[in-house]
Amino acid sequence: MEAIVLKEFGGPEVLRIFEVPLPECGPDDIVIRVRAAGVNRADLLERQGLYPPPPPRPEYQIPGLECAGEVVKTGSRVVRFREGDRVMALVSGGGYAQYVACPEDFAMPIPPGLSDIEAAAIPEAFLTAYDALFDKAQLAMGQSVLIHAGAGGVGSAAIQLAHVAGLHVVTTVGTEEKRQRVLALGAEVAVNYHDEVFEDVVRSWSNGQGVDAILDFVGQQYLTANMASLKTTGTIVVIGTLSGTDASIHLGQLLGRRLTVRGTALRSRPKYEKMRLIQTFQERTHAFFASGRLGAIIDRTFPLAQAAEAHRYLVTNQTIGKVILTVD
């Protein structure tokens, strides 16, 4: 089969197609004929050698954390899927390929009406957003959340999930076009961080109270302002660190206001934690996808052979929603 294999680390130019053997199908696995694969910022880090796959190290390091397609083979203990079923899957790697194997518990049926391209945009982004909102931050109807990078893949998923759950959403974006798009997704307020100071807007919008939780992709640069934007007992969920990983924290505020700072990542989690998250997510959101109340936001697609261009485009921060690779 054809796959993007990382034989060296570096810039987008290292993303080249090689011929590799078909993946083996274990007794609890399914093999998926990949039709589309999502591109994530974690893929950019892996390409640079900064986000290695979990052990055991694969013989061929193929990026790609989410994909969609149809089942072409099932293991002897598989009970949920049959050959020909359309599925979307969270994988630990291997999505940038014509075929990928994964445990059946990491796959979900594609909701009716969704294309393979739309389905490929769901697993990593929506599971990350769902986990941050409802597991890490433990938000409930009527509470409020600040979602940074609202026009990104995870951000746009988080806004939709928060909206259908009855949460009040304020978000940050970088352009007027993005502001209009996130408002249409369910955000009540969208702050253009080039023109406004988000903590001032949050303070005014919340009548000085702050928000119950913050989903942050920026890290170092936003930590102090994020803490100032929280309610007492509020929670910051760190999903990314685009501005850097080292940051100073005011322990007096942390203690006196009983704040919580939590981190989240999917790839490195034990199998049982991923299984629990995927099962819960599927049970609670499948009907929303089928009815159109939740949906994947697709910015642009690239063929697999142009994975390097897809990475270059993602770095520009022009995207609204997801970048997807299509696989012939």
C-alpha atoms as a PDB file:
ATOM      1  CA  MET A   1       0.000   0.000   0.000  1.00  0.00           C
ATOM      2  CA  GLU A   2       1.009   3.653  -0.310  1.00  0.00           C
ATOM      3  CA  ALA A   3       1.637   5.685   2.829  1.00  0.00           C
ATOM      4  CA  ILE A   4       3.396   8.807   4.040  1.00  0.00           C
ATOM      5  CA  VAL A   5       6.357   7.443   6.022  1.00  0.00           C
ATOM      6  CA  LEU A   6       8.608   9.552   8.237  1.00  0.00           C
ATOM      7  CA  LYS A   7      12.059   8.237   7.400  1.00  0.00           C
ATOM      8  CA  GLU A   8      13.534  11.472   8.723  1.00  0.00           C
ATOM      9  CA  PHE A   9      12.269  14.471  10.674  1.00  0.00           C
ATOM     10  CA  GLY A  10      12.126  18.066   9.513  1.00  0.00           C
ATOM     11  CA  GLY A  11      10.036  20.392   7.399  1.00  0.00           C
ATOM     12  CA  PRO A  12       7.030  19.499   5.251  1.00  0.00           C
ATOM     13  CA  GLU A  13       9.344  18.222   2.526  1.00  0.00           C
ATOM     14  CA  VAL A  14       9.982  15.025   4.553  1.00  0.00           C
ATOM     15  CA  LEU A  15       6.364  13.953   3.939  1.00  0.00           C
ATOM     16  CA  ARG A  16       6.877  11.557   1.053  1.00  0.00           C
ATOM     17  CA  ILE A  17       4.931   8.541  -0.176  1.00  0.00           C
ATOM     18  CA  PHE A  18       6.492   5.097   0.091  1.00  0.00           C
ATOM     19  CA  GLU A  19       5.248   1.590  -0.624  1.00  0.00           C
ATOM     20  CA  VAL A  20       4.892  -0.392   2.619  1.00  0.00           C
ATOM     21  CA  PRO A  21       3.230  -3.702   3.588  1.00  0.00           C
ATOM     22  CA  LEU A  22      -0.454  -3.824   4.478  1.00  0.00           C
ATOM     23  CA  PRO A  23      -1.085  -3.513   8.235  1.00  0.00           C
ATOM     24  CA  GLU A  24      -1.587  -6.718  10.184  1.00  0.00           C
ATOM     25  CA  CYS A  25      -5.038  -7.382  11.643  1.00  0.00           C
ATOM     26  CA  GLY A  26      -4.976  -8.587  15.237  1.00  0.00           C
ATOM     27  CA  PRO A  27      -7.857 -10.568  16.789  1.00  0.00           C
ATOM     28  CA  ASP A  28      -9.439  -7.403  18.241  1.00  0.00           C
ATOM     29  CA  ASP A  29      -8.654  -5.180  15.246  1.00  0.00           C
ATOM     30  CA  ILE A  30     -10.318  -3.974  12.112  1.00  0.00           C
ATOM     31  CA  VAL A  31      -8.491  -2.921   8.955  1.00  0.00           C
ATOM     32  CA  ILE A  32      -9.901   0.237   7.384  1.00  0.00           C
ATOM     33  CA  ARG A  33      -9.598   1.225   3.731  1.00  0.00           C
ATOM     34  CA  VAL A  34      -8.856   4.900   4.338  1.00  0.00           C
ATOM     35  CA  ARG A  35     -10.783   7.356   2.199  1.00  0.00           C
ATOM     36  CA  ALA A  36      -9.914  10.515   4.147  1.00  0.00           C
ATOM     37  CA  ALA A  37      -7.632  11.455   7.026  1.00  0.00           C
ATOM     38  CA  GLY A  38      -7.604  14.511   9.262  1.00  0.00           C
ATOM     39  CA  VAL A  39      -4.558  16.780   9.559  1.00  0.00           C
ATOM     40  CA  ASN A  40      -3.837  17.983  13.104  1.00  0.00           C
ATOM     41  CA  ARG A  41      -1.248  20.228  14.713  1.00  0.00           C
ATOM     42  CA  ALA A  42       0.052  17.167  16.527  1.00  0.00           C
ATOM     43  CA  ASP A  43       1.034  15.856  13.074  1.00  0.00           C
ATOM     44  CA  LEU A  44       3.233  18.917  12.603  1.00  0.00           C
ATOM     45  CA  LEU A  45       5.037  18.118  15.838  1.00  0.00           C
ATOM     46  CA  GLU A  46       5.442  14.454  14.917  1.00  0.00           C
ATOM     47  CA  ARG A  47       6.908  15.450  11.556  1.00  0.00           C
ATOM     48  CA  GLN A  48       9.564  17.414  13.468  1.00  0.00           C
ATOM     49  CA  GLY A  49      10.322  14.513  15.810  1.00  0.00           C
ATOM     50  CA  LEU A  50       8.622  16.205  18.778  1.00  0.00           C
ATOM     51  CA  TYR A  51       5.584  13.930  19.198  1.00  0.00           C
ATOM     52  CA  PRO A  52       6.606  10.282  18.977  1.00  0.00           C
ATOM     53  CA  PRO A  53       4.025   7.498  18.705  1.00  0.00           C
ATOM     54  CA  PRO A  54       3.365   5.493  21.869  1.00  0.00           C
ATOM     55  CA  PRO A  55       5.359   2.282  22.330  1.00  0.00           C
ATOM     56  CA  PRO A  56       5.964  -0.161  20.864  1.00  0.00           C
ATOM     57  CA  ARG A  57       7.663   1.879  18.163  1.00  0.00           C
ATOM     58  CA  PRO A  58       6.166   0.963  14.759  1.00  0.00           C
ATOM     59  CA  GLU A  59       8.347  -0.378  11.972  1.00  0.00           C
ATOM     60  CA  TYR A  60       7.034   2.376   9.704  1.00  0.00           C
ATOM     61  CA  GLN A  61       6.229   5.715  11.347  1.00  0.00           C
ATOM     62  CA  ILE A  62       3.138   6.909   9.508  1.00  0.00           C
ATOM     63  CA  PRO A  63       1.466  10.104  10.799  1.00  0.00           C
ATOM     64  CA  GLY A  64      -2.274  10.563  11.086  1.00  0.00           C
ATOM     65  CA  LEU A  65      -4.463  10.396  14.200  1.00  0.00           C
ATOM     66  CA  GLU A  66      -7.932  10.151  12.639  1.00  0.00           C
ATOM     67  CA  CYS A  67      -9.441   8.719   9.497  1.00  0.00           C
ATOM     68  CA  ALA A  68     -12.612   7.511   7.820  1.00  0.00           C
ATOM     69  CA  GLY A  69     -13.352   4.785   5.299  1.00  0.00           C
ATOM     70  CA  GLU A  70     -14.748   1.274   5.150  1.00  0.00           C
ATOM     71  CA  VAL A  71     -13.872  -1.938   6.965  1.00  0.00           C
ATOM     72  CA  VAL A  72     -12.090  -4.452   4.726  1.00  0.00           C
ATOM     73  CA  LYS A  73     -11.016  -7.007   7.339  1.00  0.00           C
ATOM     74  CA  THR A  74     -11.987  -7.970  10.875  1.00  0.00           C
ATOM     75  CA  GLY A  75     -10.162  -9.888  13.589  1.00  0.00           C
ATOM     76  CA  SER A  76     -11.449 -13.143  15.058  1.00  0.00           C
ATOM     77  CA  ARG A  77     -12.827 -11.465  18.204  1.00  0.00           C
ATOM     78  CA  VAL A  78     -14.435  -8.453  16.513  1.00  0.00           C
ATOM     79  CA  VAL A  79     -18.198  -8.250  17.105  1.00  0.00           C
ATOM     80  CA  ARG A  80     -19.219  -4.650  16.340  1.00  0.00           C
ATOM     81  CA  PHE A  81     -18.211  -4.326  12.704  1.00  0.00           C
ATOM     82  CA  ARG A  82     -18.355  -6.312   9.476  1.00  0.00           C
ATOM     83  CA  GLU A  83     -16.611  -5.917   6.147  1.00  0.00           C
ATOM     84  CA  GLY A  84     -18.128  -3.039   4.210  1.00  0.00           C
ATOM     85  CA  ASP A  85     -19.156  -0.985   7.264  1.00  0.00           C
ATOM     86  CA  ARG A  86     -18.355   2.718   7.007  1.00  0.00           C
ATOM     87  CA  VAL A  87     -16.384   3.867  10.044  1.00  0.00           C
ATOM     88  CA  MET A  88     -14.401   6.768  11.446  1.00  0.00           C
ATOM     89  CA  ALA A  89     -11.576   6.026  13.847  1.00  0.00           C
ATOM     90  CA  LEU A  90      -9.176   7.503  16.360  1.00  0.00           C
ATOM     91  CA  VAL A  91      -5.783   5.927  15.698  1.00  0.00           C
ATOM     92  CA  SER A  92      -2.413   6.218  17.417  1.00  0.00           C
ATOM     93  CA  GLY A  93      -0.800   6.784  14.019  1.00  0.00           C
ATOM     94  CA  GLY A  94      -1.074   5.466  10.494  1.00  0.00           C
ATOM     95  CA  GLY A  95      -3.897   7.611   9.113  1.00  0.00           C
ATOM     96  CA  TYR A  96      -1.820   8.998   6.224  1.00  0.00           C
ATOM     97  CA  ALA A  97      -2.089   5.718   4.312  1.00  0.00           C
ATOM     98  CA  GLN A  98      -4.366   3.658   2.091  1.00  0.00           C
ATOM     99  CA  TYR A  99      -5.066   1.204   4.925  1.00  0.00           C
ATOM    100  CA  VAL A 100      -4.801   1.321   8.706  1.00  0.00           C
ATOM    101  CA  ALA A 101      -5.490  -1.217  11.465  1.00  0.00           C
ATOM    102  CA  CYS A 102      -6.946  -0.215  14.818  1.00  0.00           C
ATOM    103  CA  PRO A 103      -8.797  -1.820  17.740  1.00  0.00           C
ATOM    104  CA  GLU A 104     -12.507  -2.058  16.993  1.00  0.00           C
ATOM    105  CA  ASP A 105     -13.219  -0.059  20.165  1.00  0.00           C
ATOM    106  CA  PHE A 106     -11.400   2.937  18.668  1.00  0.00           C
ATOM    107  CA  ALA A 107     -13.782   3.073  15.698  1.00  0.00           C
ATOM    108  CA  MET A 108     -17.292   4.491  15.402  1.00  0.00           C
ATOM    109  CA  PRO A 109     -19.984   4.094  12.738  1.00  0.00           C
ATOM    110  CA  ILE A 110     -20.173   7.104  10.448  1.00  0.00           C
ATOM    111  CA  PRO A 111     -23.458   8.934  11.196  1.00  0.00           C
ATOM    112  CA  PRO A 112     -26.009   8.879   8.368  1.00  0.00           C
ATOM    113  CA  GLY A 113     -25.572  11.625   5.798  1.00  0.00           C
ATOM    114  CA  LEU A 114     -21.894  12.322   6.467  1.00  0.00           C
ATOM    115  CA  SER A 115     -19.279  11.947   3.755  1.00  0.00           C
ATOM    116  CA  ASP A 116     -15.923  10.288   4.390  1.00  0.00           C
ATOM    117  CA  ILE A 117     -14.286  13.712   4.339  1.00  0.00           C
ATOM    118  CA  GLU A 118     -16.661  15.050   6.993  1.00  0.00           C
ATOM    119  CA  ALA A 119     -16.300  11.911   9.098  1.00  0.00           C
ATOM    120  CA  ALA A 120     -12.497  12.096   9.022  1.00  0.00           C
ATOM    121  CA  ALA A 121     -12.713  15.508  10.676  1.00  0.00           C
ATOM    122  CA  ILE A 122     -14.551  14.199  13.738  1.00  0.00           C
ATOM    123  CA  PRO A 123     -12.539  11.724  15.868  1.00  0.00           C
ATOM    124  CA  GLU A 124      -9.478  13.668  17.050  1.00  0.00           C
ATOM    125  CA  ALA A 125     -11.046  17.137  17.103  1.00  0.00           C
ATOM    126  CA  PHE A 126     -14.431  16.318  18.596  1.00  0.00           C
ATOM    127  CA  LEU A 127     -13.123  13.758  21.090  1.00  0.00           C
ATOM    128  CA  THR A 128     -10.510  16.243  22.314  1.00  0.00           C
ATOM    129  CA  ALA A 129     -13.144  18.955  22.657  1.00  0.00           C
ATOM    130  CA  TYR A 130     -15.642  16.648  24.348  1.00  0.00           C
ATOM    131  CA  ASP A 131     -13.041  15.411  26.819  1.00  0.00           C
ATOM    132  CA  ALA A 132     -11.922  18.955  27.672  1.00  0.00           C
ATOM    133  CA  LEU A 133     -15.438  20.312  28.183  1.00  0.00           C
ATOM    134  CA  PHE A 134     -17.162  17.491  30.009  1.00  0.00           C
ATOM    135  CA  ASP A 135     -14.453  15.308  31.547  1.00  0.00           C
ATOM    136  CA  LYS A 136     -11.625  17.678  32.430  1.00  0.00           C
ATOM    137  CA  ALA A 137     -13.693  20.838  33.064  1.00  0.00           C
ATOM    138  CA  GLN A 138     -16.877  18.948  34.062  1.00  0.00           C
ATOM    139  CA  LEU A 139     -19.129  21.663  32.687  1.00  0.00           C
ATOM    140  CA  ALA A 140     -22.920  21.504  32.926  1.00  0.00           C
ATOM    141  CA  MET A 141     -25.847  23.324  31.336  1.00  0.00           C
ATOM    142  CA  GLY A 142     -25.906  27.039  32.103  1.00  0.00           C
ATOM    143  CA  GLN A 143     -22.206  27.387  32.831  1.00  0.00           C
ATOM    144  CA  SER A 144     -19.779  29.448  30.767  1.00  0.00           C
ATOM    145  CA  VAL A 145     -16.600  28.673  28.844  1.00  0.00           C
ATOM    146  CA  LEU A 146     -13.936  30.656  27.018  1.00  0.00           C
ATOM    147  CA  ILE A 147     -12.681  28.725  23.983  1.00  0.00           C
ATOM    148  CA  HIS A 148      -9.499  30.049  22.434  1.00  0.00           C
ATOM    149  CA  ALA A 149      -8.759  29.513  18.716  1.00  0.00           C
ATOM    150  CA  GLY A 150     -12.454  29.089  18.079  1.00  0.00           C
ATOM    151  CA  ALA A 151     -12.089  28.762  14.311  1.00  0.00           C
ATOM    152  CA  GLY A 152      -9.653  25.836  14.500  1.00  0.00           C
ATOM    153  CA  GLY A 153     -10.565  22.180  14.257  1.00  0.00           C
ATOM    154  CA  VAL A 154     -10.864  21.531  17.996  1.00  0.00           C
ATOM    155  CA  GLY A 155     -12.136  25.033  18.714  1.00  0.00           C
ATOM    156  CA  SER A 156     -14.990  24.841  16.204  1.00  0.00           C
ATOM    157  CA  ALA A 157     -15.906  21.387  17.543  1.00  0.00           C
ATOM    158  CA  ALA A 158     -15.865  22.668  21.129  1.00  0.00           C
ATOM    159  CA  ILE A 159     -18.136  25.608  20.302  1.00  0.00           C
ATOM    160  CA  GLN A 160     -20.716  23.290  18.747  1.00  0.00           C
ATOM    161  CA  LEU A 161     -20.581  20.771  21.594  1.00  0.00           C
ATOM    162  CA  ALA A 162     -20.870  23.527  24.181  1.00  0.00           C
ATOM    163  CA  HIS A 163     -23.789  25.117  22.358  1.00  0.00           C
ATOM    164  CA  VAL A 164     -25.873  21.930  22.119  1.00  0.00           C
ATOM    165  CA  ALA A 165     -25.122  21.259  25.812  1.00  0.00           C
ATOM    166  CA  GLY A 166     -26.585  24.613  26.838  1.00  0.00           C
ATOM    167  CA  LEU A 167     -23.304  26.312  27.773  1.00  0.00           C
ATOM    168  CA  HIS A 168     -22.571  30.005  27.298  1.00  0.00           C
ATOM    169  CA  VAL A 169     -19.597  30.438  24.959  1.00  0.00           C
ATOM    170  CA  VAL A 170     -17.120  33.256  24.412  1.00  0.00           C
ATOM    171  CA  THR A 171     -14.278  32.613  21.989  1.00  0.00           C
ATOM    172  CA  THR A 172     -11.207  34.224  20.452  1.00  0.00           C
ATOM    173  CA  VAL A 173     -10.350  34.464  16.750  1.00  0.00           C
ATOM    174  CA  GLY A 174      -7.937  36.376  14.521  1.00  0.00           C
ATOM    175  CA  THR A 175     -10.069  37.731  11.651  1.00  0.00           C
ATOM    176  CA  GLU A 176     -13.518  39.165  11.019  1.00  0.00           C
ATOM    177  CA  GLU A 177     -14.376  36.231   8.738  1.00  0.00           C
ATOM    178  CA  LYS A 178     -13.554  33.797  11.531  1.00  0.00           C
ATOM    179  CA  ARG A 179     -15.578  35.883  13.981  1.00  0.00           C
ATOM    180  CA  GLN A 180     -18.679  35.611  11.843  1.00  0.00           C
ATOM    181  CA  ARG A 181     -18.211  31.849  11.375  1.00  0.00           C
ATOM    182  CA  VAL A 182     -17.853  31.060  15.082  1.00  0.00           C
ATOM    183  CA  LEU A 183     -20.874  33.178  15.961  1.00  0.00           C
ATOM    184  CA  ALA A 184     -22.868  31.091  13.503  1.00  0.00           C
ATOM    185  CA  LEU A 185     -21.643  27.932  15.287  1.00  0.00           C
ATOM    186  CA  GLY A 186     -23.114  29.053  18.605  1.00  0.00           C
ATOM    187  CA  ALA A 187     -20.636  31.383  20.293  1.00  0.00           C
ATOM    188  CA  GLU A 188     -22.324  34.322  22.033  1.00  0.00           C
ATOM    189  CA  VAL A 189     -19.266  36.573  21.853  1.00  0.00           C
ATOM    190  CA  ALA A 190     -16.209  36.364  19.580  1.00  0.00           C
ATOM    191  CA  VAL A 191     -13.135  38.424  20.419  1.00  0.00           C
ATOM    192  CA  ASN A 192     -10.708  39.423  17.672  1.00  0.00           C
ATOM    193  CA  TYR A 193      -7.471  39.241  19.635  1.00  0.00           C
ATOM    194  CA  HIS A 194      -5.778  41.672  17.231  1.00  0.00           C
ATOM    195  CA  ASP A 195      -8.193  44.436  18.219  1.00  0.00           C
ATOM    196  CA  GLU A 196      -9.403  43.579  21.722  1.00  0.00           C
ATOM    197  CA  VAL A 197      -8.030  42.305  25.023  1.00  0.00           C
ATOM    198  CA  PHE A 198      -9.907  39.089  25.665  1.00  0.00           C
ATOM    199  CA  GLU A 199      -9.763  39.252  29.459  1.00  0.00           C
ATOM    200  CA  ASP A 200     -11.407  42.709  29.368  1.00  0.00           C
ATOM    201  CA  VAL A 201     -14.182  41.411  27.115  1.00  0.00           C
ATOM    202  CA  VAL A 202     -14.711  38.344  29.322  1.00  0.00           C
ATOM    203  CA  ARG A 203     -14.871  40.503  32.438  1.00  0.00           C
ATOM    204  CA  SER A 204     -17.486  42.781  30.867  1.00  0.00           C
ATOM    205  CA  TRP A 205     -19.504  39.927  29.313  1.00  0.00           C
ATOM    206  CA  SER A 206     -19.601  38.011  32.611  1.00  0.00           C
ATOM    207  CA  ASN A 207     -20.405  41.089  34.735  1.00  0.00           C
ATOM    208  CA  GLY A 208     -17.055  40.780  36.451  1.00  0.00           C
ATOM    209  CA  GLN A 209     -17.547  37.151  37.449  1.00  0.00           C
ATOM    210  CA  GLY A 210     -15.329  35.404  34.884  1.00  0.00           C
ATOM    211  CA  VAL A 211     -16.009  32.086  33.170  1.00  0.00           C
ATOM    212  CA  ASP A 212     -16.303  28.610  34.652  1.00  0.00           C
ATOM    213  CA  ALA A 213     -13.688  27.111  32.333  1.00  0.00           C
ATOM    214  CA  ILE A 214     -11.189  27.948  29.599  1.00  0.00           C
ATOM    215  CA  LEU A 215      -9.998  25.723  26.741  1.00  0.00           C
ATOM    216  CA  ASP A 216      -6.533  26.941  25.799  1.00  0.00           C
ATOM    217  CA  PHE A 217      -4.270  26.105  22.850  1.00  0.00           C
ATOM    218  CA  VAL A 218      -1.769  28.946  23.340  1.00  0.00           C
ATOM    219  CA  GLY A 219      -0.071  28.109  26.644  1.00  0.00           C
ATOM    220  CA  GLN A 220       2.690  30.365  27.948  1.00  0.00           C
ATOM    221  CA  GLN A 221       1.478  33.679  26.547  1.00  0.00           C
ATOM    222  CA  TYR A 222      -2.105  33.322  27.807  1.00  0.00           C
ATOM    223  CA  LEU A 223      -1.695  31.754  31.247  1.00  0.00           C
ATOM    224  CA  THR A 224      -1.814  34.924  33.355  1.00  0.00           C
ATOM    225  CA  ALA A 225      -4.722  36.413  31.393  1.00  0.00           C
ATOM    226  CA  ASN A 226      -6.546  33.085  31.497  1.00  0.00           C
ATOM    227  CA  MET A 227      -6.322  32.934  35.279  1.00  0.00           C
ATOM    228  CA  ALA A 228      -7.654  36.492  35.494  1.00  0.00           C
ATOM    229  CA  SER A 229     -10.604  35.458  33.296  1.00  0.00           C
ATOM    230  CA  LEU A 230     -11.726  32.568  35.515  1.00  0.00           C
ATOM    231  CA  LYS A 231     -14.384  32.474  38.183  1.00  0.00           C
ATOM    232  CA  THR A 232     -13.381  31.326  41.621  1.00  0.00           C
ATOM    233  CA  THR A 233     -13.025  27.502  41.446  1.00  0.00           C
ATOM    234  CA  GLY A 234     -12.725  27.721  37.632  1.00  0.00           C
ATOM    235  CA  THR A 235     -10.673  25.383  35.458  1.00  0.00           C
ATOM    236  CA  ILE A 236      -8.159  25.919  32.661  1.00  0.00           C
ATOM    237  CA  VAL A 237      -7.783  22.959  30.309  1.00  0.00           C
ATOM    238  CA  VAL A 238      -4.514  23.169  28.371  1.00  0.00           C
ATOM    239  CA  ILE A 239      -4.847  21.477  24.974  1.00  0.00           C
ATOM    240  CA  GLY A 240      -1.904  23.071  23.171  1.00  0.00           C
ATOM    241  CA  THR A 241       1.133  25.268  23.773  1.00  0.00           C
ATOM    242  CA  LEU A 242       1.558  27.270  20.575  1.00  0.00           C
ATOM    243  CA  SER A 243       3.337  30.154  22.350  1.00  0.00           C
ATOM    244  CA  GLY A 244       5.615  27.975  24.460  1.00  0.00           C
ATOM    245  CA  THR A 245       5.599  25.392  27.232  1.00  0.00           C
ATOM    246  CA  ASP A 246       7.315  27.274  30.083  1.00  0.00           C
ATOM    247  CA  ALA A 247       5.126  29.647  32.089  1.00  0.00           C
ATOM    248  CA  SER A 248       5.087  31.178  35.553  1.00  0.00           C
ATOM    249  CA  ILE A 249       1.967  30.731  37.638  1.00  0.00           C
ATOM    250  CA  HIS A 250       0.725  32.922  40.512  1.00  0.00           C
ATOM    251  CA  LEU A 251       0.298  30.359  43.252  1.00  0.00           C
ATOM    252  CA  GLY A 252      -1.483  32.871  45.483  1.00  0.00           C
ATOM    253  CA  GLN A 253      -4.290  33.160  42.943  1.00  0.00           C
ATOM    254  CA  LEU A 254      -4.339  29.418  42.432  1.00  0.00           C
ATOM    255  CA  LEU A 255      -4.748  28.793  46.156  1.00  0.00           C
ATOM    256  CA  GLY A 256      -6.908  31.737  47.152  1.00  0.00           C
ATOM    257  CA  ARG A 257      -9.414  31.320  44.324  1.00  0.00           C
ATOM    258  CA  ARG A 258      -9.175  27.510  44.294  1.00  0.00           C
ATOM    259  CA  LEU A 259      -8.388  27.364  40.581  1.00  0.00           C
ATOM    260  CA  THR A 260      -7.511  24.234  38.612  1.00  0.00           C
ATOM    261  CA  VAL A 261      -5.112  23.852  35.684  1.00  0.00           C
ATOM    262  CA  ARG A 262      -5.382  20.556  33.786  1.00  0.00           C
ATOM    263  CA  GLY A 263      -3.730  19.147  30.696  1.00  0.00           C
ATOM    264  CA  THR A 264      -5.196  16.790  28.135  1.00  0.00           C
ATOM    265  CA  ALA A 265      -3.913  14.621  25.274  1.00  0.00           C
ATOM    266  CA  LEU A 266      -5.445  11.582  23.601  1.00  0.00           C
ATOM    267  CA  ARG A 267      -2.578   9.732  21.954  1.00  0.00           C
ATOM    268  CA  SER A 268      -0.663   8.793  25.100  1.00  0.00           C
ATOM    269  CA  ARG A 269      -3.657   7.551  27.101  1.00  0.00           C
ATOM    270  CA  PRO A 270      -4.151   3.935  28.130  1.00  0.00           C
ATOM    271  CA  LYS A 271      -6.412   1.918  25.865  1.00  0.00           C
ATOM    272  CA  TYR A 272      -9.215   1.621  28.426  1.00  0.00           C
ATOM    273  CA  GLU A 273      -9.421   5.420  28.839  1.00  0.00           C
ATOM    274  CA  LYS A 274      -9.742   5.925  25.085  1.00  0.00           C
ATOM    275  CA  MET A 275     -12.389   3.193  24.906  1.00  0.00           C
ATOM    276  CA  ARG A 276     -14.442   4.827  27.658  1.00  0.00           C
ATOM    277  CA  LEU A 277     -14.203   8.267  26.054  1.00  0.00           C
ATOM    278  CA  ILE A 278     -15.117   7.004  22.580  1.00  0.00           C
ATOM    279  CA  GLN A 279     -18.076   5.004  23.864  1.00  0.00           C
ATOM    280  CA  THR A 280     -19.463   7.894  25.896  1.00  0.00           C
ATOM    281  CA  PHE A 281     -18.945  10.369  23.055  1.00  0.00           C
ATOM    282  CA  GLN A 282     -20.677   8.107  20.544  1.00  0.00           C
ATOM    283  CA  GLU A 283     -23.670   7.497  22.805  1.00  0.00           C
ATOM    284  CA  ARG A 284     -24.189  11.196  23.507  1.00  0.00           C
ATOM    285  CA  THR A 285     -23.459  12.775  20.120  1.00  0.00           C
ATOM    286  CA  HIS A 286     -24.378  10.311  17.345  1.00  0.00           C
ATOM    287  CA  ALA A 287     -27.938  11.615  17.082  1.00  0.00           C
ATOM    288  CA  PHE A 288     -26.737  15.229  16.958  1.00  0.00           C
ATOM    289  CA  PHE A 289     -24.483  14.450  13.987  1.00  0.00           C
ATOM    290  CA  ALA A 290     -27.257  12.523  12.265  1.00  0.00           C
ATOM    291  CA  SER A 291     -29.681  15.441  12.708  1.00  0.00           C
ATOM    292  CA  GLY A 292     -27.168  18.087  11.631  1.00  0.00           C
ATOM    293  CA  ARG A 293     -26.970  19.877  14.985  1.00  0.00           C
ATOM    294  CA  LEU A 294     -23.299  18.907  15.091  1.00  0.00           C
ATOM    295  CA  GLY A 295     -21.142  18.878  11.987  1.00  0.00           C
ATOM    296  CA  ALA A 296     -17.572  18.869  10.782  1.00  0.00           C
ATOM    297  CA  ILE A 297     -16.281  22.178   9.462  1.00  0.00           C
ATOM    298  CA  ILE A 298     -14.039  21.528   6.461  1.00  0.00           C
ATOM    299  CA  ASP A 299     -11.660  24.250   5.321  1.00  0.00           C
ATOM    300  CA  ARG A 300      -9.749  22.537   2.529  1.00  0.00           C
ATOM    301  CA  THR A 301      -8.829  19.098   1.218  1.00  0.00           C
ATOM    302  CA  PHE A 302      -5.558  17.883  -0.281  1.00  0.00           C
ATOM    303  CA  PRO A 303      -4.737  14.547  -1.910  1.00  0.00           C
ATOM    304  CA  LEU A 304      -2.427  12.317   0.132  1.00  0.00           C
ATOM    305  CA  ALA A 305       0.474  13.029  -2.222  1.00  0.00           C
ATOM    306  CA  GLN A 306       0.196  16.710  -1.252  1.00  0.00           C
ATOM    307  CA  ALA A 307       0.489  16.146   2.505  1.00  0.00           C
ATOM    308  CA  ALA A 308       3.420  18.568   2.591  1.00  0.00           C
ATOM    309  CA  GLU A 309       1.214  21.326   1.149  1.00  0.00           C
ATOM    310  CA  ALA A 310      -1.471  20.512   3.704  1.00  0.00           C
ATOM    311  CA  HIS A 311       1.054  20.985   6.513  1.00  0.00           C
ATOM    312  CA  ARG A 312       2.297  24.255   5.036  1.00  0.00           C
ATOM    313  CA  TYR A 313      -1.266  25.513   4.800  1.00  0.00           C
ATOM    314  CA  LEU A 314      -2.159  24.561   8.371  1.00  0.00           C
ATOM    315  CA  VAL A 315       0.807  26.544   9.719  1.00  0.00           C
ATOM    316  CA  THR A 316      -0.523  29.758   8.142  1.00  0.00           C
ATOM    317  CA  ASN A 317      -3.374  29.886  10.693  1.00  0.00           C
ATOM    318  CA  GLN A 318      -5.785  30.825   7.912  1.00  0.00           C
ATOM    319  CA  THR A 319      -7.931  27.750   8.408  1.00  0.00           C
ATOM    320  CA  ILE A 320     -11.540  27.690   9.522  1.00  0.00           C
ATOM    321  CA  GLY A 321     -12.218  24.151  10.653  1.00  0.00           C
ATOM    322  CA  LYS A 322     -10.287  21.121   9.470  1.00  0.00           C
ATOM    323  CA  VAL A 323      -7.762  20.325   6.775  1.00  0.00           C
ATOM    324  CA  ILE A 324      -8.326  16.841   5.293  1.00  0.00           C
ATOM    325  CA  LEU A 325      -6.241  14.493   3.160  1.00  0.00           C
ATOM    326  CA  THR A 326      -8.147  12.430   0.598  1.00  0.00           C
ATOM    327  CA  VAL A 327      -6.831   8.963  -0.156  1.00  0.00           C
ATOM    328  CA  ASP A 328      -7.385   7.219  -3.507  1.00  0.00           C
END
